[in-house]
């Protein structure tokens, strides 16, 4: 129960920062701010209460708003597994110290910019409720909006979803295409997709998962991507 609560709290915190960043960049009207509209869709996808979403927007518009900077950290976990940590922070010095401490404590190493990101593709990922959708027909229709691949999966709450992936530059195009078709994604994110996976033994895998788990717990860390199979 406590683990579920912690995960929910982390999700709400992450989306709250996404909302703050979106409002700072494009204002508080979701009709005229695609990034805010996306953050609000993601909030709905993790059952974030409407009053919390509205409060996050209000804070981002107010005098006491926190200005977050989005920073990317790259490095290696034990056994050569590549790690990318996306962060949103109001104190980069604090954040890099915490990220470095996690790498060091769990036998990893913090790298320089570009040291591991070449092993990933930066892609837009959309998760749709499959109910009422014809997957084959939709796949054909969305090719014109930049669809690279489509498959089945589950969301953060283990509910079935259709997963659409598009190149980084086609994210806005796909977002418009889905809106035109009246399809509201359960979630839409930019993610780092590994080009090749690293397969490890059970003990080695546990070493890597300890680092990933601890990194995900850090308040400034929004998401962690890796190439562990």
C-alpha atoms as a PDB file:
ATOM      1  CA  UNK A   1       0.000   0.000   0.000  1.00  0.00           C
ATOM      2  CA  UNK A   2       2.791   2.404   0.923  1.00  0.00           C
ATOM      3  CA  UNK A   3       4.649   1.596  -2.319  1.00  0.00           C
ATOM      4  CA  UNK A   4       1.518   2.411  -4.304  1.00  0.00           C
ATOM      5  CA  UNK A   5       1.096   5.693  -2.428  1.00  0.00           C
ATOM      6  CA  UNK A   6       4.748   6.612  -3.035  1.00  0.00           C
ATOM      7  CA  UNK A   7       4.392   5.874  -6.736  1.00  0.00           C
ATOM      8  CA  UNK A   8       1.249   8.018  -6.941  1.00  0.00           C
ATOM      9  CA  UNK A   9       2.934  10.873  -5.072  1.00  0.00           C
ATOM     10  CA  UNK A  10       5.891  10.693  -7.462  1.00  0.00           C
ATOM     11  CA  UNK A  11       3.569  10.736 -10.485  1.00  0.00           C
ATOM     12  CA  UNK A  12       1.685  13.766  -9.168  1.00  0.00           C
ATOM     13  CA  UNK A  13       4.945  15.584  -8.410  1.00  0.00           C
ATOM     14  CA  UNK A  14       6.324  14.847 -11.880  1.00  0.00           C
ATOM     15  CA  UNK A  15       3.199  16.057 -13.619  1.00  0.00           C
ATOM     16  CA  UNK A  16       3.042  19.134 -11.389  1.00  0.00           C
ATOM     17  CA  UNK A  17       6.506  20.082 -12.648  1.00  0.00           C
ATOM     18  CA  UNK A  18       5.463  19.352 -16.237  1.00  0.00           C
ATOM     19  CA  UNK A  19       2.523  21.719 -15.772  1.00  0.00           C
ATOM     20  CA  UNK A  20       4.767  24.435 -14.310  1.00  0.00           C
ATOM     21  CA  UNK A  21       7.230  24.159 -17.210  1.00  0.00           C
ATOM     22  CA  UNK A  22       4.409  24.181 -19.788  1.00  0.00           C
ATOM     23  CA  UNK A  23       2.708  27.216 -18.242  1.00  0.00           C
ATOM     24  CA  UNK A  24       5.973  29.146 -18.105  1.00  0.00           C
ATOM     25  CA  UNK A  25       6.602  28.422 -21.795  1.00  0.00           C
ATOM     26  CA  UNK A  26       3.111  28.930 -23.195  1.00  0.00           C
ATOM     27  CA  UNK A  27       0.677  30.353 -20.626  1.00  0.00           C
ATOM     28  CA  UNK A  28      -2.174  28.884 -18.628  1.00  0.00           C
ATOM     29  CA  UNK A  29      -4.756  28.290 -21.371  1.00  0.00           C
ATOM     30  CA  UNK A  30      -4.615  24.645 -22.515  1.00  0.00           C
ATOM     31  CA  UNK A  31      -6.528  25.489 -25.708  1.00  0.00           C
ATOM     32  CA  UNK A  32      -3.568  27.599 -26.817  1.00  0.00           C
ATOM     33  CA  UNK A  33      -0.805  25.609 -25.134  1.00  0.00           C
ATOM     34  CA  UNK A  34      -0.279  22.062 -26.513  1.00  0.00           C
ATOM     35  CA  UNK A  35       2.342  21.237 -23.855  1.00  0.00           C
ATOM     36  CA  UNK A  36      -0.065  22.151 -21.052  1.00  0.00           C
ATOM     37  CA  UNK A  37      -2.846  20.213 -22.748  1.00  0.00           C
ATOM     38  CA  UNK A  38      -0.546  17.179 -22.894  1.00  0.00           C
ATOM     39  CA  UNK A  39       0.399  17.528 -19.213  1.00  0.00           C
ATOM     40  CA  UNK A  40      -3.272  17.710 -18.261  1.00  0.00           C
ATOM     41  CA  UNK A  41      -4.018  14.580 -20.301  1.00  0.00           C
ATOM     42  CA  UNK A  42      -1.205  12.783 -18.489  1.00  0.00           C
ATOM     43  CA  UNK A  43      -2.605  13.979 -15.156  1.00  0.00           C
ATOM     44  CA  UNK A  44      -5.953  12.453 -16.049  1.00  0.00           C
ATOM     45  CA  UNK A  45      -4.199   9.226 -17.067  1.00  0.00           C
ATOM     46  CA  UNK A  46      -2.763   8.750 -13.557  1.00  0.00           C
ATOM     47  CA  UNK A  47      -5.990   9.848 -11.842  1.00  0.00           C
ATOM     48  CA  UNK A  48      -4.545  13.104 -10.537  1.00  0.00           C
ATOM     49  CA  UNK A  49      -7.484  15.008  -9.006  1.00  0.00           C
ATOM     50  CA  UNK A  50      -8.764  17.971 -10.992  1.00  0.00           C
ATOM     51  CA  UNK A  51      -8.291  20.340  -8.051  1.00  0.00           C
ATOM     52  CA  UNK A  52      -4.606  19.411  -7.851  1.00  0.00           C
ATOM     53  CA  UNK A  53      -4.188  20.104 -11.570  1.00  0.00           C
ATOM     54  CA  UNK A  54      -5.916  23.476 -11.245  1.00  0.00           C
ATOM     55  CA  UNK A  55      -3.794  24.315  -8.185  1.00  0.00           C
ATOM     56  CA  UNK A  56      -0.606  23.475 -10.115  1.00  0.00           C
ATOM     57  CA  UNK A  57      -1.639  25.808 -12.950  1.00  0.00           C
ATOM     58  CA  UNK A  58      -2.512  28.558 -10.484  1.00  0.00           C
ATOM     59  CA  UNK A  59       0.853  28.218  -8.736  1.00  0.00           C
ATOM     60  CA  UNK A  60       2.665  28.363 -12.067  1.00  0.00           C
ATOM     61  CA  UNK A  61       0.882  31.620 -12.898  1.00  0.00           C
ATOM     62  CA  UNK A  62       1.387  33.185  -9.451  1.00  0.00           C
ATOM     63  CA  UNK A  63       4.097  35.282  -7.884  1.00  0.00           C
ATOM     64  CA  UNK A  64       5.426  32.377  -5.835  1.00  0.00           C
ATOM     65  CA  UNK A  65       5.995  30.114  -8.842  1.00  0.00           C
ATOM     66  CA  UNK A  66       9.079  27.899  -8.996  1.00  0.00           C
ATOM     67  CA  UNK A  67      11.134  28.119 -12.156  1.00  0.00           C
ATOM     68  CA  UNK A  68      12.229  24.639 -13.174  1.00  0.00           C
ATOM     69  CA  UNK A  69      15.081  23.879 -15.530  1.00  0.00           C
ATOM     70  CA  UNK A  70      14.996  20.647 -17.510  1.00  0.00           C
ATOM     71  CA  UNK A  71      18.368  18.877 -17.484  1.00  0.00           C
ATOM     72  CA  UNK A  72      19.506  15.524 -18.841  1.00  0.00           C
ATOM     73  CA  UNK A  73      22.110  13.369 -17.110  1.00  0.00           C
ATOM     74  CA  UNK A  74      23.791  10.378 -18.729  1.00  0.00           C
ATOM     75  CA  UNK A  75      25.914   7.604 -17.313  1.00  0.00           C
ATOM     76  CA  UNK A  76      26.388   3.920 -16.774  1.00  0.00           C
ATOM     77  CA  UNK A  77      25.018   1.527 -14.201  1.00  0.00           C
ATOM     78  CA  UNK A  78      27.079  -1.548 -13.283  1.00  0.00           C
ATOM     79  CA  UNK A  79      27.765  -4.103 -16.042  1.00  0.00           C
ATOM     80  CA  UNK A  80      27.658  -1.538 -18.858  1.00  0.00           C
ATOM     81  CA  UNK A  81      23.963  -0.638 -18.769  1.00  0.00           C
ATOM     82  CA  UNK A  82      23.349   2.850 -20.170  1.00  0.00           C
ATOM     83  CA  UNK A  83      21.255   5.253 -18.064  1.00  0.00           C
ATOM     84  CA  UNK A  84      19.540   8.523 -18.977  1.00  0.00           C
ATOM     85  CA  UNK A  85      17.930  10.548 -16.185  1.00  0.00           C
ATOM     86  CA  UNK A  86      15.590  13.406 -17.080  1.00  0.00           C
ATOM     87  CA  UNK A  87      15.314  16.012 -14.346  1.00  0.00           C
ATOM     88  CA  UNK A  88      13.356  19.178 -13.614  1.00  0.00           C
ATOM     89  CA  UNK A  89      15.056  21.316 -11.001  1.00  0.00           C
ATOM     90  CA  UNK A  90      15.218  24.750  -9.437  1.00  0.00           C
ATOM     91  CA  UNK A  91      18.768  24.028  -8.225  1.00  0.00           C
ATOM     92  CA  UNK A  92      21.052  22.311 -10.781  1.00  0.00           C
ATOM     93  CA  UNK A  93      23.988  22.172  -8.346  1.00  0.00           C
ATOM     94  CA  UNK A  94      21.895  20.166  -5.883  1.00  0.00           C
ATOM     95  CA  UNK A  95      20.556  17.920  -8.617  1.00  0.00           C
ATOM     96  CA  UNK A  96      23.863  16.963 -10.208  1.00  0.00           C
ATOM     97  CA  UNK A  97      25.275  16.209  -6.751  1.00  0.00           C
ATOM     98  CA  UNK A  98      22.368  13.871  -5.966  1.00  0.00           C
ATOM     99  CA  UNK A  99      22.496  12.159  -9.357  1.00  0.00           C
ATOM    100  CA  UNK A 100      26.257  11.656  -9.066  1.00  0.00           C
ATOM    101  CA  UNK A 101      25.847  10.283  -5.533  1.00  0.00           C
ATOM    102  CA  UNK A 102      23.401   7.615  -6.758  1.00  0.00           C
ATOM    103  CA  UNK A 103      25.737   6.543  -9.561  1.00  0.00           C
ATOM    104  CA  UNK A 104      28.694   6.366  -7.172  1.00  0.00           C
ATOM    105  CA  UNK A 105      26.861   4.532  -4.370  1.00  0.00           C
ATOM    106  CA  UNK A 106      25.629   1.785  -6.705  1.00  0.00           C
ATOM    107  CA  UNK A 107      28.880   1.250  -8.652  1.00  0.00           C
ATOM    108  CA  UNK A 108      27.884   3.300 -11.659  1.00  0.00           C
ATOM    109  CA  UNK A 109      29.436   6.396 -13.208  1.00  0.00           C
ATOM    110  CA  UNK A 110      28.044   9.757 -14.287  1.00  0.00           C
ATOM    111  CA  UNK A 111      29.112  10.578 -17.832  1.00  0.00           C
ATOM    112  CA  UNK A 112      29.254  13.692 -19.960  1.00  0.00           C
ATOM    113  CA  UNK A 113      26.565  14.992 -22.310  1.00  0.00           C
ATOM    114  CA  UNK A 114      26.224  12.626 -25.271  1.00  0.00           C
ATOM    115  CA  UNK A 115      28.155   9.814 -23.616  1.00  0.00           C
ATOM    116  CA  UNK A 116      25.236   7.354 -23.761  1.00  0.00           C
ATOM    117  CA  UNK A 117      22.363   9.111 -25.546  1.00  0.00           C
ATOM    118  CA  UNK A 118      23.697   7.945 -28.928  1.00  0.00           C
ATOM    119  CA  UNK A 119      22.537   4.475 -27.879  1.00  0.00           C
ATOM    120  CA  UNK A 120      18.896   5.653 -27.784  1.00  0.00           C
ATOM    121  CA  UNK A 121      16.298   7.163 -30.101  1.00  0.00           C
ATOM    122  CA  UNK A 122      14.426  10.198 -28.787  1.00  0.00           C
ATOM    123  CA  UNK A 123      10.795   9.488 -29.678  1.00  0.00           C
ATOM    124  CA  UNK A 124       7.281  10.614 -28.969  1.00  0.00           C
ATOM    125  CA  UNK A 125       5.200   7.905 -27.296  1.00  0.00           C
ATOM    126  CA  UNK A 126       1.395   8.017 -27.136  1.00  0.00           C
ATOM    127  CA  UNK A 127      -0.686   5.569 -25.097  1.00  0.00           C
ATOM    128  CA  UNK A 128      -4.320   5.136 -26.159  1.00  0.00           C
ATOM    129  CA  UNK A 129      -7.264   3.344 -24.627  1.00  0.00           C
ATOM    130  CA  UNK A 130      -7.843   0.536 -27.179  1.00  0.00           C
ATOM    131  CA  UNK A 131     -11.567   0.294 -26.446  1.00  0.00           C
ATOM    132  CA  UNK A 132     -13.581   1.111 -29.581  1.00  0.00           C
ATOM    133  CA  UNK A 133     -10.518   1.497 -31.805  1.00  0.00           C
ATOM    134  CA  UNK A 134      -9.705  -0.592 -34.878  1.00  0.00           C
ATOM    135  CA  UNK A 135      -5.944  -0.925 -34.477  1.00  0.00           C
ATOM    136  CA  UNK A 136      -5.189  -1.927 -38.072  1.00  0.00           C
ATOM    137  CA  UNK A 137      -7.282   0.863 -39.561  1.00  0.00           C
ATOM    138  CA  UNK A 138      -5.871   3.420 -37.134  1.00  0.00           C
ATOM    139  CA  UNK A 139      -2.319   2.390 -37.946  1.00  0.00           C
ATOM    140  CA  UNK A 140      -2.880   3.100 -41.634  1.00  0.00           C
ATOM    141  CA  UNK A 141      -4.556   6.442 -40.924  1.00  0.00           C
ATOM    142  CA  UNK A 142      -1.770   7.662 -38.644  1.00  0.00           C
ATOM    143  CA  UNK A 143       1.126   6.974 -40.995  1.00  0.00           C
ATOM    144  CA  UNK A 144       0.526  10.408 -42.520  1.00  0.00           C
ATOM    145  CA  UNK A 145       0.999  11.943 -39.063  1.00  0.00           C
ATOM    146  CA  UNK A 146       4.449  10.444 -38.566  1.00  0.00           C
ATOM    147  CA  UNK A 147       3.647   7.038 -37.031  1.00  0.00           C
ATOM    148  CA  UNK A 148       6.809   4.940 -36.840  1.00  0.00           C
ATOM    149  CA  UNK A 149       5.446   1.890 -35.036  1.00  0.00           C
ATOM    150  CA  UNK A 150       2.406   0.750 -33.094  1.00  0.00           C
ATOM    151  CA  UNK A 151       1.993  -2.067 -30.581  1.00  0.00           C
ATOM    152  CA  UNK A 152       0.190  -3.238 -27.473  1.00  0.00           C
ATOM    153  CA  UNK A 153       1.233  -2.687 -23.879  1.00  0.00           C
ATOM    154  CA  UNK A 154       0.048  -1.537 -20.453  1.00  0.00           C
ATOM    155  CA  UNK A 155       0.018   1.836 -18.713  1.00  0.00           C
ATOM    156  CA  UNK A 156       1.405   2.673 -15.259  1.00  0.00           C
ATOM    157  CA  UNK A 157      -1.692   1.087 -13.695  1.00  0.00           C
ATOM    158  CA  UNK A 158      -1.357  -2.124 -15.751  1.00  0.00           C
ATOM    159  CA  UNK A 159      -4.342  -1.305 -17.974  1.00  0.00           C
ATOM    160  CA  UNK A 160      -4.097  -2.348 -21.662  1.00  0.00           C
ATOM    161  CA  UNK A 161      -3.105   0.404 -24.090  1.00  0.00           C
ATOM    162  CA  UNK A 162      -2.160   0.898 -27.703  1.00  0.00           C
ATOM    163  CA  UNK A 163       1.339   2.370 -27.890  1.00  0.00           C
ATOM    164  CA  UNK A 164       2.230   4.679 -30.772  1.00  0.00           C
ATOM    165  CA  UNK A 165       5.787   5.812 -31.411  1.00  0.00           C
ATOM    166  CA  UNK A 166       6.851   8.696 -33.636  1.00  0.00           C
ATOM    167  CA  UNK A 167      10.209  10.370 -34.308  1.00  0.00           C
ATOM    168  CA  UNK A 168      10.968  13.305 -31.996  1.00  0.00           C
ATOM    169  CA  UNK A 169      10.236  15.854 -34.734  1.00  0.00           C
ATOM    170  CA  UNK A 170       6.786  14.380 -35.456  1.00  0.00           C
ATOM    171  CA  UNK A 171       5.447  14.659 -31.908  1.00  0.00           C
ATOM    172  CA  UNK A 172       3.332  17.765 -32.560  1.00  0.00           C
ATOM    173  CA  UNK A 173       2.099  16.350 -35.861  1.00  0.00           C
ATOM    174  CA  UNK A 174       0.827  13.178 -34.182  1.00  0.00           C
ATOM    175  CA  UNK A 175      -0.729  15.195 -31.366  1.00  0.00           C
ATOM    176  CA  UNK A 176      -2.697  17.218 -33.944  1.00  0.00           C
ATOM    177  CA  UNK A 177      -3.654  14.075 -35.860  1.00  0.00           C
ATOM    178  CA  UNK A 178      -5.139  12.403 -32.789  1.00  0.00           C
ATOM    179  CA  UNK A 179      -7.011  15.587 -31.862  1.00  0.00           C
ATOM    180  CA  UNK A 180      -8.494  15.754 -35.357  1.00  0.00           C
ATOM    181  CA  UNK A 181      -9.746  12.193 -34.951  1.00  0.00           C
ATOM    182  CA  UNK A 182     -11.217  12.944 -31.525  1.00  0.00           C
ATOM    183  CA  UNK A 183      -8.833  10.558 -29.762  1.00  0.00           C
ATOM    184  CA  UNK A 184      -7.543  11.712 -26.368  1.00  0.00           C
ATOM    185  CA  UNK A 185      -4.389   9.833 -25.339  1.00  0.00           C
ATOM    186  CA  UNK A 186      -4.167   8.413 -21.830  1.00  0.00           C
ATOM    187  CA  UNK A 187      -0.560   9.633 -21.865  1.00  0.00           C
ATOM    188  CA  UNK A 188       1.819  11.264 -24.316  1.00  0.00           C
ATOM    189  CA  UNK A 189       5.502  11.633 -23.546  1.00  0.00           C
ATOM    190  CA  UNK A 190       8.909  12.104 -25.093  1.00  0.00           C
ATOM    191  CA  UNK A 191      10.981   9.033 -24.269  1.00  0.00           C
ATOM    192  CA  UNK A 192      14.447   7.649 -24.925  1.00  0.00           C
ATOM    193  CA  UNK A 193      14.083   4.262 -26.643  1.00  0.00           C
ATOM    194  CA  UNK A 194      17.201   2.023 -26.561  1.00  0.00           C
ATOM    195  CA  UNK A 195      18.606   0.869 -29.893  1.00  0.00           C
ATOM    196  CA  UNK A 196      20.088  -2.285 -28.352  1.00  0.00           C
ATOM    197  CA  UNK A 197      19.383  -4.060 -25.086  1.00  0.00           C
ATOM    198  CA  UNK A 198      21.833  -5.469 -22.535  1.00  0.00           C
ATOM    199  CA  UNK A 199      20.947  -8.885 -21.083  1.00  0.00           C
ATOM    200  CA  UNK A 200      22.383  -9.780 -17.678  1.00  0.00           C
ATOM    201  CA  UNK A 201      22.295 -12.593 -15.160  1.00  0.00           C
ATOM    202  CA  UNK A 202      19.935 -12.400 -12.192  1.00  0.00           C
ATOM    203  CA  UNK A 203      22.479 -10.991  -9.718  1.00  0.00           C
ATOM    204  CA  UNK A 204      23.851  -8.509 -12.233  1.00  0.00           C
ATOM    205  CA  UNK A 205      20.349  -7.388 -13.124  1.00  0.00           C
ATOM    206  CA  UNK A 206      19.594  -6.804  -9.445  1.00  0.00           C
ATOM    207  CA  UNK A 207      22.677  -4.554  -9.195  1.00  0.00           C
ATOM    208  CA  UNK A 208      21.328  -2.386 -12.022  1.00  0.00           C
ATOM    209  CA  UNK A 209      17.748  -2.296 -10.726  1.00  0.00           C
ATOM    210  CA  UNK A 210      18.954  -1.025  -7.343  1.00  0.00           C
ATOM    211  CA  UNK A 211      20.565   1.976  -9.044  1.00  0.00           C
ATOM    212  CA  UNK A 212      17.530   2.631 -11.260  1.00  0.00           C
ATOM    213  CA  UNK A 213      15.132   2.369  -8.314  1.00  0.00           C
ATOM    214  CA  UNK A 214      17.136   4.780  -6.198  1.00  0.00           C
ATOM    215  CA  UNK A 215      17.487   7.230  -9.093  1.00  0.00           C
ATOM    216  CA  UNK A 216      13.727   7.202  -9.667  1.00  0.00           C
ATOM    217  CA  UNK A 217      13.162   8.052  -5.991  1.00  0.00           C
ATOM    218  CA  UNK A 218      15.107  11.329  -6.246  1.00  0.00           C
ATOM    219  CA  UNK A 219      12.748  14.312  -6.095  1.00  0.00           C
ATOM    220  CA  UNK A 220      14.404  16.161  -8.992  1.00  0.00           C
ATOM    221  CA  UNK A 221      14.339  13.145 -11.311  1.00  0.00           C
ATOM    222  CA  UNK A 222      11.362  13.008 -13.642  1.00  0.00           C
ATOM    223  CA  UNK A 223      12.126   9.798 -15.543  1.00  0.00           C
ATOM    224  CA  UNK A 224      14.872   7.239 -15.899  1.00  0.00           C
ATOM    225  CA  UNK A 225      15.574   5.381 -19.161  1.00  0.00           C
ATOM    226  CA  UNK A 226      17.935   2.441 -19.614  1.00  0.00           C
ATOM    227  CA  UNK A 227      18.832  -0.362 -22.004  1.00  0.00           C
ATOM    228  CA  UNK A 228      18.530  -3.285 -19.578  1.00  0.00           C
ATOM    229  CA  UNK A 229      16.609  -6.102 -21.213  1.00  0.00           C
END
